Every structure is written in C-alpha cells, then in structure tokens.
C-alpha cells in the first residue's frame, strides 16, 4: 500500500509540474515573438493617434482664429462698398 502511495504521489507531482510548466514553455517557445510584435504595433498605433490629436488641435485653433477674423473682414469689406 505504501509503495502505491509513493508512486501515486510522484505521478501527481509530475502531472502538476507538467500542467504548471507546459503553458510557460508554450508561451516562451511560440507566443513570445508574436506578442512582442503585437505590442510594438500597438505602440505605433498609439503614437499615430497622439500625432493625429495634436494635428487636430492645431487645426481647430487655426479654424477658430480664421472664424474670429472673418466677421471683421466681412464688416470692413461691406462698409467700404456702401
């Protein structure tokens, strides 16, 4: 009986070790490179999004300046033609 318990305990230890180490091995062997490429692509997308937000903010500022000058320009041109 004790011999069976010993072999059963060793078998359980091996099975648990396999279930704990197999996903780590699988990730390091197959998924690590893909994950690194994906994270690099995500960083590039975020950088592009930040650049687009800066450009949009600059465009909005320029548009507001244009709109603020437009009524003054229109009033000046209509007053000289009357």
Protein backbone atom coordinates (compact mmCIF):
# COMPACT_ATOMS: atom_id res chain seq x y z
CA UNK A 1 0.00 0.00 0.00
CA UNK A 2 2.80 2.41 0.86
CA UNK A 3 4.57 1.71 -2.39
CA UNK A 4 1.39 2.57 -4.31
CA UNK A 5 1.04 5.80 -2.35
CA UNK A 6 4.64 6.71 -3.15
CA UNK A 7 4.20 6.08 -6.87
CA UNK A 8 0.85 7.87 -6.86
CA UNK A 9 2.40 10.89 -5.13
CA UNK A 10 5.27 11.02 -7.63
CA UNK A 11 2.83 10.69 -10.52
CA UNK A 12 0.71 13.55 -9.14
CA UNK A 13 3.81 15.69 -8.74
CA UNK A 14 4.80 15.06 -12.36
CA UNK A 15 1.29 15.78 -13.64
CA UNK A 16 1.02 19.03 -11.64
CA UNK A 17 4.50 20.06 -12.76
CA UNK A 18 3.53 19.40 -16.37
CA UNK A 19 0.35 21.47 -16.06
CA UNK A 20 2.26 24.33 -14.49
CA UNK A 21 5.27 24.33 -16.78
CA UNK A 22 3.66 23.48 -20.13
CA UNK A 23 1.91 26.87 -20.59
CA UNK A 24 5.11 28.73 -19.70
CA UNK A 25 7.10 26.66 -22.17
CA UNK A 26 4.44 27.13 -24.86
CA UNK A 27 4.41 30.91 -24.36
CA UNK A 28 8.19 31.24 -24.41
CA UNK A 29 8.55 28.98 -27.45
CA UNK A 30 5.68 30.08 -29.68
CA UNK A 31 3.87 33.16 -28.42
CA UNK A 32 6.62 35.44 -27.12
CA UNK A 33 7.74 36.72 -30.53
CA UNK A 34 4.19 37.27 -31.70
CA UNK A 35 3.27 39.13 -28.52
CA UNK A 36 6.32 41.39 -28.85
CA UNK A 37 5.37 42.25 -32.44
CA UNK A 38 1.78 42.94 -31.40
CA UNK A 39 2.87 45.23 -28.57
CA UNK A 40 5.16 47.10 -30.95
CA UNK A 41 2.28 47.57 -33.40
CA UNK A 42 0.02 48.82 -30.59
CA UNK A 43 2.67 51.34 -29.57
CA UNK A 44 2.91 52.58 -33.16
CA UNK A 45 -0.87 52.96 -33.37
CA UNK A 46 -0.94 54.90 -30.11
CA UNK A 47 1.85 57.19 -31.32
CA UNK A 48 -0.03 57.83 -34.55
CA UNK A 49 -3.19 58.58 -32.58
CA UNK A 50 -1.32 61.09 -30.44
CA UNK A 51 0.09 62.80 -33.52
CA UNK A 52 -3.39 62.98 -35.03
CA UNK A 53 -4.79 64.56 -31.85
CA UNK A 54 -2.06 67.20 -31.89
CA UNK A 55 -2.74 67.99 -35.55
CA UNK A 56 -6.48 68.17 -34.92
CA UNK A 57 -5.94 70.56 -32.02
CA UNK A 58 -3.74 72.75 -34.21
CA UNK A 59 -6.35 72.70 -36.96
CA UNK A 60 -9.11 73.65 -34.51
CA UNK A 61 -7.05 76.56 -33.19
CA UNK A 62 -6.36 77.79 -36.72
CA UNK A 63 -10.04 77.44 -37.64
CA UNK A 64 -11.12 79.47 -34.59
CA UNK A 65 -8.61 82.20 -35.46
CA UNK A 66 -9.94 82.25 -39.01
CA UNK A 67 -13.55 82.46 -37.81
CA UNK A 68 -12.71 85.25 -35.38
CA UNK A 69 -11.11 87.29 -38.18
CA UNK A 70 -13.78 86.51 -40.75
CA UNK A 71 -16.59 88.75 -39.35
CA UNK A 72 -14.17 91.68 -39.03
CA UNK A 73 -13.07 91.13 -42.61
CA UNK A 74 -16.66 90.93 -43.85
CA UNK A 75 -17.69 94.08 -41.96
CA UNK A 76 -14.69 96.01 -43.28
CA UNK A 77 -15.39 95.00 -46.88
CA UNK A 78 -19.13 95.81 -46.69
CA UNK A 79 -18.54 99.20 -45.05
CA UNK A 80 -16.19 100.30 -47.83
CA UNK A 81 -18.58 99.24 -50.59
CA UNK A 82 -21.60 101.19 -49.20
